[in-house]
PDB file of N, CA and C in Angstrom:
ATOM      1  N   MET A   1      16.412  15.409 -11.595  1.00  0.00           N
ATOM      2  CA  MET A   1      15.720  14.598 -12.569  1.00  0.00           C
ATOM      3  C   MET A   1      14.780  15.500 -13.357  1.00  0.00           C
ATOM      4  N   PRO A   2      14.835  15.453 -14.690  1.00  0.00           N
ATOM      5  CA  PRO A   2      13.919  16.264 -15.492  1.00  0.00           C
ATOM      6  C   PRO A   2      12.469  15.861 -15.245  1.00  0.00           C
ATOM      7  N   ALA A   3      11.567  16.799 -15.406  1.00  0.00           N
ATOM      8  CA  ALA A   3      10.154  16.547 -15.119  1.00  0.00           C
ATOM      9  C   ALA A   3       9.581  15.444 -15.993  1.00  0.00           C
ATOM     10  N   SER A   4      10.142  15.199 -17.167  1.00  0.00           N
ATOM     11  CA  SER A   4       9.598  14.186 -18.064  1.00  0.00           C
ATOM     12  C   SER A   4      10.037  12.766 -17.695  1.00  0.00           C
ATOM     13  N   VAL A   5      10.997  12.637 -16.785  1.00  0.00           N
ATOM     14  CA  VAL A   5      11.478  11.316 -16.392  1.00  0.00           C
ATOM     15  C   VAL A   5      10.741  10.868 -15.131  1.00  0.00           C
ATOM     16  N   VAL A   6      10.105   9.722 -15.226  1.00  0.00           N
ATOM     17  CA  VAL A   6       9.364   9.168 -14.099  1.00  0.00           C
ATOM     18  C   VAL A   6      10.157   7.980 -13.556  1.00  0.00           C
ATOM     19  N   PRO A   7      10.351   7.919 -12.242  1.00  0.00           N
ATOM     20  CA  PRO A   7      11.103   6.795 -11.695  1.00  0.00           C
ATOM     21  C   PRO A   7      10.404   5.468 -11.986  1.00  0.00           C
ATOM     22  N   ALA A   8      11.185   4.446 -12.227  1.00  0.00           N
ATOM     23  CA  ALA A   8      10.627   3.117 -12.497  1.00  0.00           C
ATOM     24  C   ALA A   8      10.008   2.547 -11.229  1.00  0.00           C
ATOM     25  N   ILE A   9       8.929   1.833 -11.408  1.00  0.00           N
ATOM     26  CA  ILE A   9       8.264   1.163 -10.299  1.00  0.00           C
ATOM     27  C   ILE A   9       8.674  -0.310 -10.344  1.00  0.00           C
ATOM     28  N   ASP A  10       9.083  -0.851  -9.206  1.00  0.00           N
ATOM     29  CA  ASP A  10       9.501  -2.247  -9.117  1.00  0.00           C
ATOM     30  C   ASP A  10       8.249  -3.113  -8.966  1.00  0.00           C
ATOM     31  N   ILE A  11       7.731  -3.573 -10.090  1.00  0.00           N
ATOM     32  CA  ILE A  11       6.499  -4.355 -10.094  1.00  0.00           C
ATOM     33  C   ILE A  11       6.671  -5.650  -9.296  1.00  0.00           C
ATOM     34  N   GLY A  12       7.831  -6.291  -9.414  1.00  0.00           N
ATOM     35  CA  GLY A  12       8.083  -7.532  -8.684  1.00  0.00           C
ATOM     36  C   GLY A  12       7.953  -7.341  -7.184  1.00  0.00           C
ATOM     37  N   ALA A  13       8.471  -6.238  -6.673  1.00  0.00           N
ATOM     38  CA  ALA A  13       8.376  -5.959  -5.237  1.00  0.00           C
ATOM     39  C   ALA A  13       6.925  -5.732  -4.826  1.00  0.00           C
ATOM     40  N   LEU A  14       6.157  -5.067  -5.683  1.00  0.00           N
ATOM     41  CA  LEU A  14       4.749  -4.818  -5.369  1.00  0.00           C
ATOM     42  C   LEU A  14       3.940  -6.115  -5.405  1.00  0.00           C
ATOM     43  N   VAL A  15       4.258  -6.986  -6.361  1.00  0.00           N
ATOM     44  CA  VAL A  15       3.565  -8.273  -6.438  1.00  0.00           C
ATOM     45  C   VAL A  15       3.841  -9.083  -5.170  1.00  0.00           C
ATOM     46  N   ALA A  16       5.103  -9.124  -4.760  1.00  0.00           N
ATOM     47  CA  ALA A  16       5.460  -9.872  -3.561  1.00  0.00           C
ATOM     48  C   ALA A  16       4.781  -9.296  -2.317  1.00  0.00           C
ATOM     49  N   ALA A  17       4.726  -7.979  -2.223  1.00  0.00           N
ATOM     50  CA  ALA A  17       4.147  -7.326  -1.048  1.00  0.00           C
ATOM     51  C   ALA A  17       2.624  -7.445  -1.008  1.00  0.00           C
ATOM     52  N   SER A  18       2.001  -7.716  -2.146  1.00  0.00           N
ATOM     53  CA  SER A  18       0.539  -7.793  -2.190  1.00  0.00           C
ATOM     54  C   SER A  18       0.028  -9.230  -2.255  1.00  0.00           C
ATOM     55  N   ASP A  19       0.885 -10.188  -1.967  1.00  0.00           N
ATOM     56  CA  ASP A  19       0.473 -11.599  -1.983  1.00  0.00           C
ATOM     57  C   ASP A  19      -0.698 -11.812  -1.021  1.00  0.00           C
ATOM     58  N   GLY A  20      -1.750 -12.411  -1.509  1.00  0.00           N
ATOM     59  CA  GLY A  20      -2.927 -12.668  -0.686  1.00  0.00           C
ATOM     60  C   GLY A  20      -3.945 -11.540  -0.708  1.00  0.00           C
ATOM     61  N   PHE A  21      -3.658 -10.465  -1.411  1.00  0.00           N
ATOM     62  CA  PHE A  21      -4.583  -9.344  -1.488  1.00  0.00           C
ATOM     63  C   PHE A  21      -5.552  -9.546  -2.653  1.00  0.00           C
ATOM     64  N   THR A  22      -6.762  -9.054  -2.487  1.00  0.00           N
ATOM     65  CA  THR A  22      -7.729  -9.058  -3.577  1.00  0.00           C
ATOM     66  C   THR A  22      -7.439  -7.847  -4.470  1.00  0.00           C
ATOM     67  N   PRO A  23      -8.001  -7.837  -5.679  1.00  0.00           N
ATOM     68  CA  PRO A  23      -7.843  -6.635  -6.513  1.00  0.00           C
ATOM     69  C   PRO A  23      -8.347  -5.372  -5.804  1.00  0.00           C
ATOM     70  N   ALA A  24      -9.402  -5.489  -5.030  1.00  0.00           N
ATOM     71  CA  ALA A  24      -9.918  -4.326  -4.296  1.00  0.00           C
ATOM     72  C   ALA A  24      -8.930  -3.856  -3.236  1.00  0.00           C
ATOM     73  N   ASP A  25      -8.251  -4.800  -2.575  1.00  0.00           N
ATOM     74  CA  ASP A  25      -7.231  -4.438  -1.590  1.00  0.00           C
ATOM     75  C   ASP A  25      -6.101  -3.658  -2.262  1.00  0.00           C
ATOM     76  N   ILE A  26      -5.687  -4.132  -3.422  1.00  0.00           N
ATOM     77  CA  ILE A  26      -4.588  -3.487  -4.159  1.00  0.00           C
ATOM     78  C   ILE A  26      -5.012  -2.098  -4.630  1.00  0.00           C
ATOM     79  N   GLU A  27      -6.253  -1.983  -5.119  1.00  0.00           N
ATOM     80  CA  GLU A  27      -6.748  -0.668  -5.542  1.00  0.00           C
ATOM     81  C   GLU A  27      -6.773   0.298  -4.359  1.00  0.00           C
ATOM     82  N   TYR A  28      -7.216  -0.189  -3.205  1.00  0.00           N
ATOM     83  CA  TYR A  28      -7.249   0.643  -2.003  1.00  0.00           C
ATOM     84  C   TYR A  28      -5.847   1.146  -1.653  1.00  0.00           C
ATOM     85  N   ALA A  29      -4.871   0.257  -1.684  1.00  0.00           N
ATOM     86  CA  ALA A  29      -3.492   0.645  -1.365  1.00  0.00           C
ATOM     87  C   ALA A  29      -2.957   1.651  -2.380  1.00  0.00           C
ATOM     88  N   ALA A  30      -3.273   1.457  -3.647  1.00  0.00           N
ATOM     89  CA  ALA A  30      -2.805   2.390  -4.685  1.00  0.00           C
ATOM     90  C   ALA A  30      -3.415   3.779  -4.480  1.00  0.00           C
ATOM     91  N   ARG A  31      -4.688   3.811  -4.140  1.00  0.00           N
ATOM     92  CA  ARG A  31      -5.344   5.105  -3.863  1.00  0.00           C
ATOM     93  C   ARG A  31      -4.732   5.762  -2.631  1.00  0.00           C
ATOM     94  N   LYS A  32      -4.455   4.950  -1.621  1.00  0.00           N
ATOM     95  CA  LYS A  32      -3.841   5.470  -0.397  1.00  0.00           C
ATOM     96  C   LYS A  32      -2.471   6.073  -0.710  1.00  0.00           C
ATOM     97  N   ALA A  33      -1.678   5.405  -1.534  1.00  0.00           N
ATOM     98  CA  ALA A  33      -0.361   5.927  -1.917  1.00  0.00           C
ATOM     99  C   ALA A  33      -0.504   7.242  -2.681  1.00  0.00           C
ATOM    100  N   SER A  34      -1.464   7.301  -3.595  1.00  0.00           N
ATOM    101  CA  SER A  34      -1.692   8.524  -4.364  1.00  0.00           C
ATOM    102  C   SER A  34      -2.125   9.680  -3.472  1.00  0.00           C
ATOM    103  N   GLN A  35      -3.021   9.399  -2.545  1.00  0.00           N
ATOM    104  CA  GLN A  35      -3.495  10.447  -1.641  1.00  0.00           C
ATOM    105  C   GLN A  35      -2.371  10.953  -0.744  1.00  0.00           C
ATOM    106  N   GLU A  36      -1.520  10.050  -0.272  1.00  0.00           N
ATOM    107  CA  GLU A  36      -0.393  10.454   0.571  1.00  0.00           C
ATOM    108  C   GLU A  36       0.601  11.305  -0.227  1.00  0.00           C
ATOM    109  N   ALA A  37       0.832  10.946  -1.478  1.00  0.00           N
ATOM    110  CA  ALA A  37       1.742  11.731  -2.319  1.00  0.00           C
ATOM    111  C   ALA A  37       1.166  13.127  -2.563  1.00  0.00           C
ATOM    112  N   LEU A  38      -0.134  13.215  -2.789  1.00  0.00           N
ATOM    113  CA  LEU A  38      -0.769  14.521  -2.972  1.00  0.00           C
ATOM    114  C   LEU A  38      -0.654  15.351  -1.698  1.00  0.00           C
ATOM    115  N   ALA A  39      -0.937  14.758  -0.565  1.00  0.00           N
ATOM    116  CA  ALA A  39      -0.838  15.479   0.712  1.00  0.00           C
ATOM    117  C   ALA A  39       0.597  15.948   0.950  1.00  0.00           C
ATOM    118  N   ARG A  40       1.567  15.099   0.631  1.00  0.00           N
ATOM    119  CA  ARG A  40       2.982  15.468   0.789  1.00  0.00           C
ATOM    120  C   ARG A  40       3.331  16.656  -0.112  1.00  0.00           C
ATOM    121  N   ALA A  41       2.839  16.648  -1.338  1.00  0.00           N
ATOM    122  CA  ALA A  41       3.112  17.750  -2.264  1.00  0.00           C
ATOM    123  C   ALA A  41       2.452  19.039  -1.790  1.00  0.00           C
ATOM    124  N   LEU A  42       1.242  18.929  -1.254  1.00  0.00           N
ATOM    125  CA  LEU A  42       0.550  20.124  -0.769  1.00  0.00           C
ATOM    126  C   LEU A  42       1.214  20.695   0.474  1.00  0.00           C
ATOM    127  N   ARG A  43       1.754  19.812   1.318  1.00  0.00           N
ATOM    128  CA  ARG A  43       2.469  20.289   2.503  1.00  0.00           C
ATOM    129  C   ARG A  43       3.767  20.991   2.116  1.00  0.00           C
ATOM    130  N   ALA A  44       4.404  20.508   1.058  1.00  0.00           N
ATOM    131  CA  ALA A  44       5.706  21.048   0.652  1.00  0.00           C
ATOM    132  C   ALA A  44       5.561  22.488   0.165  1.00  0.00           C
ATOM    133  N   ASP A  45       4.768  22.703  -0.841  1.00  0.00           N
ATOM    134  CA  ASP A  45       4.496  24.043  -1.400  1.00  0.00           C
ATOM    135  C   ASP A  45       3.667  23.886  -2.659  1.00  0.00           C
ATOM    136  N   ASP A  46       3.411  25.000  -3.322  1.00  0.00           N
ATOM    137  CA  ASP A  46       2.597  24.968  -4.537  1.00  0.00           C
ATOM    138  C   ASP A  46       3.410  24.618  -5.778  1.00  0.00           C
ATOM    139  N   ASP A  47       4.715  24.608  -5.689  1.00  0.00           N
ATOM    140  CA  ASP A  47       5.577  24.335  -6.835  1.00  0.00           C
ATOM    141  C   ASP A  47       6.060  22.892  -6.780  1.00  0.00           C
ATOM    142  N   PRO A  48       5.498  21.989  -7.622  1.00  0.00           N
ATOM    143  CA  PRO A  48       5.908  20.593  -7.567  1.00  0.00           C
ATOM    144  C   PRO A  48       7.393  20.434  -7.887  1.00  0.00           C
ATOM    145  N   SER A  49       8.032  19.578  -7.131  1.00  0.00           N
ATOM    146  CA  SER A  49       9.449  19.317  -7.376  1.00  0.00           C
ATOM    147  C   SER A  49       9.595  17.938  -8.001  1.00  0.00           C
ATOM    148  N   PRO A  50      10.757  17.622  -8.545  1.00  0.00           N
ATOM    149  CA  PRO A  50      10.952  16.326  -9.188  1.00  0.00           C
ATOM    150  C   PRO A  50      10.734  15.136  -8.249  1.00  0.00           C
ATOM    151  N   GLY A  51      10.819  15.334  -6.964  1.00  0.00           N
ATOM    152  CA  GLY A  51      10.634  14.244  -6.026  1.00  0.00           C
ATOM    153  C   GLY A  51       9.182  13.957  -5.680  1.00  0.00           C
ATOM    154  N   ASP A  52       8.249  14.619  -6.352  1.00  0.00           N
ATOM    155  CA  ASP A  52       6.835  14.463  -6.035  1.00  0.00           C
ATOM    156  C   ASP A  52       6.182  13.251  -6.705  1.00  0.00           C
ATOM    157  N   GLU A  53       6.901  12.545  -7.571  1.00  0.00           N
ATOM    158  CA  GLU A  53       6.335  11.383  -8.231  1.00  0.00           C
ATOM    159  C   GLU A  53       6.182  10.229  -7.249  1.00  0.00           C
ATOM    160  N   LEU A  54       5.204   9.391  -7.511  1.00  0.00           N
ATOM    161  CA  LEU A  54       5.038   8.185  -6.711  1.00  0.00           C
ATOM    162  C   LEU A  54       6.176   7.225  -6.992  1.00  0.00           C
ATOM    163  N   THR A  55       6.663   6.583  -5.956  1.00  0.00           N
ATOM    164  CA  THR A  55       7.764   5.645  -6.099  1.00  0.00           C
ATOM    165  C   THR A  55       7.335   4.270  -5.576  1.00  0.00           C
ATOM    166  N   THR A  56       8.178   3.291  -5.814  1.00  0.00           N
ATOM    167  CA  THR A  56       7.933   1.959  -5.273  1.00  0.00           C
ATOM    168  C   THR A  56       7.794   2.033  -3.759  1.00  0.00           C
ATOM    169  N   LYS A  57       8.617   2.859  -3.135  1.00  0.00           N
ATOM    170  CA  LYS A  57       8.583   3.007  -1.674  1.00  0.00           C
ATOM    171  C   LYS A  57       7.200   3.481  -1.207  1.00  0.00           C
ATOM    172  N   ASP A  58       6.591   4.420  -1.946  1.00  0.00           N
ATOM    173  CA  ASP A  58       5.255   4.915  -1.595  1.00  0.00           C
ATOM    174  C   ASP A  58       4.229   3.781  -1.654  1.00  0.00           C
ATOM    175  N   TYR A  59       4.269   3.008  -2.733  1.00  0.00           N
ATOM    176  CA  TYR A  59       3.323   1.905  -2.883  1.00  0.00           C
ATOM    177  C   TYR A  59       3.555   0.818  -1.835  1.00  0.00           C
ATOM    178  N   LEU A  60       4.821   0.510  -1.543  1.00  0.00           N
ATOM    179  CA  LEU A  60       5.121  -0.512  -0.536  1.00  0.00           C
ATOM    180  C   LEU A  60       4.627  -0.086   0.846  1.00  0.00           C
ATOM    181  N   ALA A  61       4.775   1.192   1.165  1.00  0.00           N
ATOM    182  CA  ALA A  61       4.286   1.694   2.454  1.00  0.00           C
ATOM    183  C   ALA A  61       2.768   1.571   2.535  1.00  0.00           C
ATOM    184  N   ALA A  62       2.085   1.884   1.450  1.00  0.00           N
ATOM    185  CA  ALA A  62       0.625   1.779   1.438  1.00  0.00           C
ATOM    186  C   ALA A  62       0.181   0.323   1.536  1.00  0.00           C
ATOM    187  N   LEU A  63       0.879  -0.573   0.848  1.00  0.00           N
ATOM    188  CA  LEU A  63       0.545  -1.996   0.937  1.00  0.00           C
ATOM    189  C   LEU A  63       0.772  -2.522   2.352  1.00  0.00           C
ATOM    190  N   ALA A  64       1.848  -2.075   2.985  1.00  0.00           N
ATOM    191  CA  ALA A  64       2.153  -2.523   4.349  1.00  0.00           C
ATOM    192  C   ALA A  64       1.081  -2.072   5.338  1.00  0.00           C
ATOM    193  N   ALA A  65       0.430  -0.960   5.057  1.00  0.00           N
ATOM    194  CA  ALA A  65      -0.599  -0.423   5.945  1.00  0.00           C
ATOM    195  C   ALA A  65      -1.999  -0.928   5.586  1.00  0.00           C
ATOM    196  N   THR A  66      -2.079  -1.810   4.584  1.00  0.00           N
ATOM    197  CA  THR A  66      -3.373  -2.325   4.122  1.00  0.00           C
ATOM    198  C   THR A  66      -3.569  -3.750   4.616  1.00  0.00           C
ATOM    199  N   ARG A  67      -4.749  -4.016   5.108  1.00  0.00           N
ATOM    200  CA  ARG A  67      -5.088  -5.348   5.607  1.00  0.00           C
ATOM    201  C   ARG A  67      -5.793  -6.128   4.497  1.00  0.00           C
ATOM    202  N   ALA A  68      -5.373  -7.368   4.289  1.00  0.00           N
ATOM    203  CA  ALA A  68      -6.033  -8.237   3.310  1.00  0.00           C
ATOM    204  C   ALA A  68      -7.455  -8.512   3.779  1.00  0.00           C
ATOM    205  N   THR A  69      -8.412  -8.434   2.878  1.00  0.00           N
ATOM    206  CA  THR A  69      -9.810  -8.621   3.258  1.00  0.00           C
ATOM    207  C   THR A  69     -10.252 -10.081   3.222  1.00  0.00           C
ATOM    208  N   VAL A  70      -9.439 -10.941   2.630  1.00  0.00           N
ATOM    209  CA  VAL A  70      -9.761 -12.363   2.574  1.00  0.00           C
ATOM    210  C   VAL A  70      -8.708 -13.111   3.391  1.00  0.00           C
ATOM    211  N   SER A  71      -9.154 -13.868   4.389  1.00  0.00           N
ATOM    212  CA  SER A  71      -8.226 -14.586   5.251  1.00  0.00           C
ATOM    213  C   SER A  71      -7.668 -15.819   4.539  1.00  0.00           C
ATOM    214  N   GLU A  72      -6.570 -16.335   5.054  1.00  0.00           N
ATOM    215  CA  GLU A  72      -5.973 -17.550   4.494  1.00  0.00           C
ATOM    216  C   GLU A  72      -6.930 -18.728   4.644  1.00  0.00           C
ATOM    217  N   ASP A  73      -7.700 -18.766   5.733  1.00  0.00           N
ATOM    218  CA  ASP A  73      -8.685 -19.834   5.931  1.00  0.00           C
ATOM    219  C   ASP A  73      -9.755 -19.802   4.844  1.00  0.00           C
ATOM    220  N   THR A  74     -10.215 -18.619   4.503  1.00  0.00           N
ATOM    221  CA  THR A  74     -11.231 -18.478   3.459  1.00  0.00           C
ATOM    222  C   THR A  74     -10.677 -18.926   2.117  1.00  0.00           C
ATOM    223  N   VAL A  75      -9.450 -18.565   1.821  1.00  0.00           N
ATOM    224  CA  VAL A  75      -8.820 -18.989   0.570  1.00  0.00           C
ATOM    225  C   VAL A  75      -8.718 -20.509   0.529  1.00  0.00           C
ATOM    226  N   GLU A  76      -8.310 -21.119   1.635  1.00  0.00           N
ATOM    227  CA  GLU A  76      -8.189 -22.580   1.704  1.00  0.00           C
ATOM    228  C   GLU A  76      -9.550 -23.243   1.493  1.00  0.00           C
ATOM    229  N   GLU A  77     -10.582 -22.716   2.111  1.00  0.00           N
ATOM    230  CA  GLU A  77     -11.934 -23.266   1.926  1.00  0.00           C
ATOM    231  C   GLU A  77     -12.362 -23.156   0.471  1.00  0.00           C
ATOM    232  N   PHE A  78     -12.061 -22.032  -0.158  1.00  0.00           N
ATOM    233  CA  PHE A  78     -12.407 -21.818  -1.555  1.00  0.00           C
ATOM    234  C   PHE A  78     -11.690 -22.836  -2.441  1.00  0.00           C
ATOM    235  N   LEU A  79     -10.405 -23.054  -2.192  1.00  0.00           N
ATOM    236  CA  LEU A  79      -9.638 -24.017  -2.986  1.00  0.00           C
ATOM    237  C   LEU A  79     -10.166 -25.434  -2.785  1.00  0.00           C
ATOM    238  N   GLN A  80     -10.584 -25.761  -1.567  1.00  0.00           N
ATOM    239  CA  GLN A  80     -11.177 -27.077  -1.310  1.00  0.00           C
ATOM    240  C   GLN A  80     -12.495 -27.228  -2.057  1.00  0.00           C
ATOM    241  N   ASP A  81     -13.299 -26.172  -2.077  1.00  0.00           N
ATOM    242  CA  ASP A  81     -14.552 -26.210  -2.824  1.00  0.00           C
ATOM    243  C   ASP A  81     -14.306 -26.444  -4.307  1.00  0.00           C
ATOM    244  N   ILE A  82     -13.297 -25.795  -4.853  1.00  0.00           N
ATOM    245  CA  ILE A  82     -12.966 -25.987  -6.267  1.00  0.00           C
ATOM    246  C   ILE A  82     -12.638 -27.446  -6.538  1.00  0.00           C
ATOM    247  N   THR A  83     -11.827 -28.029  -5.666  1.00  0.00           N
ATOM    248  CA  THR A  83     -11.437 -29.433  -5.825  1.00  0.00           C
ATOM    249  C   THR A  83     -12.671 -30.334  -5.714  1.00  0.00           C
ATOM    250  N   THR A  84     -13.521 -30.100  -4.748  1.00  0.00           N
ATOM    251  CA  THR A  84     -14.718 -30.924  -4.530  1.00  0.00           C
ATOM    252  C   THR A  84     -15.676 -30.791  -5.704  1.00  0.00           C
ATOM    253  N   ILE A  85     -15.947 -29.586  -6.117  1.00  0.00           N
ATOM    254  CA  ILE A  85     -16.905 -29.356  -7.198  1.00  0.00           C
ATOM    255  C   ILE A  85     -16.354 -29.883  -8.524  1.00  0.00           C
ATOM    256  N   ALA A  86     -15.069 -29.771  -8.736  1.00  0.00           N
ATOM    257  CA  ALA A  86     -14.473 -30.236  -9.980  1.00  0.00           C
ATOM    258  C   ALA A  86     -14.567 -31.761 -10.115  1.00  0.00           C
ATOM    259  N   ARG A  87     -14.693 -32.468  -9.002  1.00  0.00           N
ATOM    260  CA  ARG A  87     -14.802 -33.931  -9.036  1.00  0.00           C
ATOM    261  C   ARG A  87     -16.193 -34.383  -9.447  1.00  0.00           C
ATOM    262  N   LEU A  88     -17.182 -33.520  -9.351  1.00  0.00           N
ATOM    263  CA  LEU A  88     -18.555 -33.916  -9.674  1.00  0.00           C
ATOM    264  C   LEU A  88     -18.743 -34.110 -11.119  1.00  0.00           C
TER     265      LEU A  88
END
């Protein structure tokens, strides 16, 4: 693959894998994926190869290793509050 071609990222897969995550959770996972890709490139050698780009697989692995900071119970309570307050 030429250096100017970047593999496509499957946004739909990332959206599905990050269901229930806050924006901060997603940012954390993205940083984790970037750091892992950098570490992988540094372990390989000083000459970057075409396979050094971040891929959907990298992001999915980082999302899988990330814990959502807001529980489903908290989300449910928040939605109930919205309904209650909206009735006032």
